[in-house]
C-alpha atoms as a PDB file:
ATOM      1  CA  UNK A   1      28.193 -78.468   8.771  1.00  0.00           C
ATOM      2  CA  UNK A   2      25.980 -76.346   9.223  1.00  0.00           C
ATOM      3  CA  UNK A   3      23.496 -75.494   6.534  1.00  0.00           C
ATOM      4  CA  UNK A   4      24.394 -71.807   5.371  1.00  0.00           C
ATOM      5  CA  UNK A   5      27.563 -73.713   3.984  1.00  0.00           C
ATOM      6  CA  UNK A   6      25.186 -75.635   2.170  1.00  0.00           C
ATOM      7  CA  UNK A   7      23.113 -73.244   1.059  1.00  0.00           C
ATOM      8  CA  UNK A   8      25.573 -70.886  -0.907  1.00  0.00           C
ATOM      9  CA  UNK A   9      26.004 -74.439  -2.719  1.00  0.00           C
ATOM     10  CA  UNK A  10      25.506 -75.217  -6.939  1.00  0.00           C
ATOM     11  CA  UNK A  11      23.639 -78.167  -8.163  1.00  0.00           C
ATOM     12  CA  UNK A  12      26.758 -79.762  -9.254  1.00  0.00           C
ATOM     13  CA  UNK A  13      28.182 -78.720  -6.161  1.00  0.00           C
ATOM     14  CA  UNK A  14      25.233 -80.751  -4.675  1.00  0.00           C
ATOM     15  CA  UNK A  15      25.663 -83.569  -5.593  1.00  0.00           C
ATOM     16  CA  UNK A  16      29.326 -84.420  -6.052  1.00  0.00           C
ATOM     17  CA  UNK A  17      29.218 -83.764  -2.112  1.00  0.00           C
ATOM     18  CA  UNK A  18      25.972 -86.023  -1.399  1.00  0.00           C
ATOM     19  CA  UNK A  19      28.063 -88.772  -3.212  1.00  0.00           C
ATOM     20  CA  UNK A  20      30.661 -88.874  -1.681  1.00  0.00           C
ATOM     21  CA  UNK A  21      29.487 -88.493   1.873  1.00  0.00           C
ATOM     22  CA  UNK A  22      26.648 -91.591   1.138  1.00  0.00           C
ATOM     23  CA  UNK A  23      30.311 -93.055   0.427  1.00  0.00           C
ATOM     24  CA  UNK A  24      31.561 -92.394   3.216  1.00  0.00           C
ATOM     25  CA  UNK A  25      28.248 -93.849   5.344  1.00  0.00           C
ATOM     26  CA  UNK A  26      28.508 -96.721   3.216  1.00  0.00           C
ATOM     27  CA  UNK A  27      32.021 -96.968   4.996  1.00  0.00           C
ATOM     28  CA  UNK A  28      30.923 -95.762   8.819  1.00  0.00           C
ATOM     29  CA  UNK A  29      28.781 -98.622   8.265  1.00  0.00           C
ATOM     30  CA  UNK A  30      31.195-101.283   7.246  1.00  0.00           C
ATOM     31  CA  UNK A  31      33.384-100.309  10.001  1.00  0.00           C
ATOM     32  CA  UNK A  32      30.236-100.193  12.507  1.00  0.00           C
ATOM     33  CA  UNK A  33      29.156-103.994  11.604  1.00  0.00           C
ATOM     34  CA  UNK A  34      33.119-105.070  12.052  1.00  0.00           C
ATOM     35  CA  UNK A  35      33.641-102.605  14.709  1.00  0.00           C
ATOM     36  CA  UNK A  36      36.184-100.979  13.682  1.00  0.00           C
ATOM     37  CA  UNK A  37      33.875 -97.192  14.606  1.00  0.00           C
ATOM     38  CA  UNK A  38      35.364 -95.986  17.301  1.00  0.00           C
ATOM     39  CA  UNK A  39      32.733 -93.525  17.811  1.00  0.00           C
ATOM     40  CA  UNK A  40      29.171 -94.878  15.903  1.00  0.00           C
ATOM     41  CA  UNK A  41      27.175 -90.947  16.278  1.00  0.00           C
ATOM     42  CA  UNK A  42      29.499 -90.433  12.881  1.00  0.00           C
ATOM     43  CA  UNK A  43      26.597 -92.231  11.079  1.00  0.00           C
ATOM     44  CA  UNK A  44      24.480 -90.206  13.031  1.00  0.00           C
ATOM     45  CA  UNK A  45      25.979 -87.112  11.135  1.00  0.00           C
ATOM     46  CA  UNK A  46      26.254 -88.822   8.435  1.00  0.00           C
ATOM     47  CA  UNK A  47      22.946 -88.738   7.821  1.00  0.00           C
ATOM     48  CA  UNK A  48      21.794 -85.478   8.895  1.00  0.00           C
ATOM     49  CA  UNK A  49      24.618 -83.676   6.985  1.00  0.00           C
ATOM     50  CA  UNK A  50      22.751 -85.916   3.244  1.00  0.00           C
ATOM     51  CA  UNK A  51      19.255 -84.627   4.430  1.00  0.00           C
ATOM     52  CA  UNK A  52      20.623 -81.024   4.228  1.00  0.00           C
ATOM     53  CA  UNK A  53      21.330 -81.601   0.767  1.00  0.00           C
ATOM     54  CA  UNK A  54      18.459 -82.666   0.259  1.00  0.00           C
ATOM     55  CA  UNK A  55      16.456 -79.558   1.642  1.00  0.00           C
ATOM     56  CA  UNK A  56      19.056 -77.176  -0.148  1.00  0.00           C
ATOM     57  CA  UNK A  57      18.959 -79.513  -3.674  1.00  0.00           C
ATOM     58  CA  UNK A  58      14.817 -79.580  -2.824  1.00  0.00           C
ATOM     59  CA  UNK A  59      15.216 -75.906  -2.403  1.00  0.00           C
ATOM     60  CA  UNK A  60      16.850 -74.455  -5.122  1.00  0.00           C
ATOM     61  CA  UNK A  61      14.552 -76.991  -7.024  1.00  0.00           C
ATOM     62  CA  UNK A  62      11.668 -74.675  -6.142  1.00  0.00           C
ATOM     63  CA  UNK A  63      13.005 -71.837  -7.058  1.00  0.00           C
ATOM     64  CA  UNK A  64      14.051 -72.370 -10.074  1.00  0.00           C
ATOM     65  CA  UNK A  65      10.128 -73.181 -11.075  1.00  0.00           C
ATOM     66  CA  UNK A  66       8.362 -70.556 -12.002  1.00  0.00           C
ATOM     67  CA  UNK A  67       4.740 -69.854 -10.227  1.00  0.00           C
ATOM     68  CA  UNK A  68       1.136 -69.186 -11.932  1.00  0.00           C
ATOM     69  CA  UNK A  69       0.242 -65.954 -13.002  1.00  0.00           C
ATOM     70  CA  UNK A  70      -2.971 -64.218 -14.187  1.00  0.00           C
ATOM     71  CA  UNK A  71      -4.516 -65.270 -17.121  1.00  0.00           C
ATOM     72  CA  UNK A  72      -3.295 -68.978 -15.749  1.00  0.00           C
ATOM     73  CA  UNK A  73      -4.269 -69.122 -12.621  1.00  0.00           C
ATOM     74  CA  UNK A  74      -7.587 -67.465 -13.602  1.00  0.00           C
ATOM     75  CA  UNK A  75      -8.138 -70.124 -15.974  1.00  0.00           C
ATOM     76  CA  UNK A  76      -6.803 -73.236 -13.159  1.00  0.00           C
ATOM     77  CA  UNK A  77      -9.180 -71.996 -10.682  1.00  0.00           C
ATOM     78  CA  UNK A  78     -11.789 -71.860 -14.168  1.00  0.00           C
ATOM     79  CA  UNK A  79     -11.541 -75.318 -15.028  1.00  0.00           C
ATOM     80  CA  UNK A  80     -11.250 -76.894 -11.651  1.00  0.00           C
ATOM     81  CA  UNK A  81     -14.972 -75.343 -10.818  1.00  0.00           C
ATOM     82  CA  UNK A  82     -16.182 -76.270 -13.569  1.00  0.00           C
ATOM     83  CA  UNK A  83     -14.718 -79.873 -12.822  1.00  0.00           C
ATOM     84  CA  UNK A  84     -16.223 -79.832  -9.735  1.00  0.00           C
ATOM     85  CA  UNK A  85     -20.209 -79.446 -10.871  1.00  0.00           C
ATOM     86  CA  UNK A  86     -19.066 -82.198 -13.348  1.00  0.00           C
ATOM     87  CA  UNK A  87     -18.877 -84.647 -11.201  1.00  0.00           C
END
């Protein structure tokens, strides 16, 4: 699974896919413990896909966060300098 495929998913799809991959990771680990897993590299691939999903979810969350602008930014800066002067 490539990041480009994941980046276009909605938040709900990301969560569903993550749940599905966590279940398959659990099953792969169990099979590996029992010696039934033919390719142990599957575990690594699944873990990396989960990490890609987490990255895409975090990027989507950051994209939706409004940033400080104008007066808010100046007020925050001013308040920060006053706190430093008192401390």
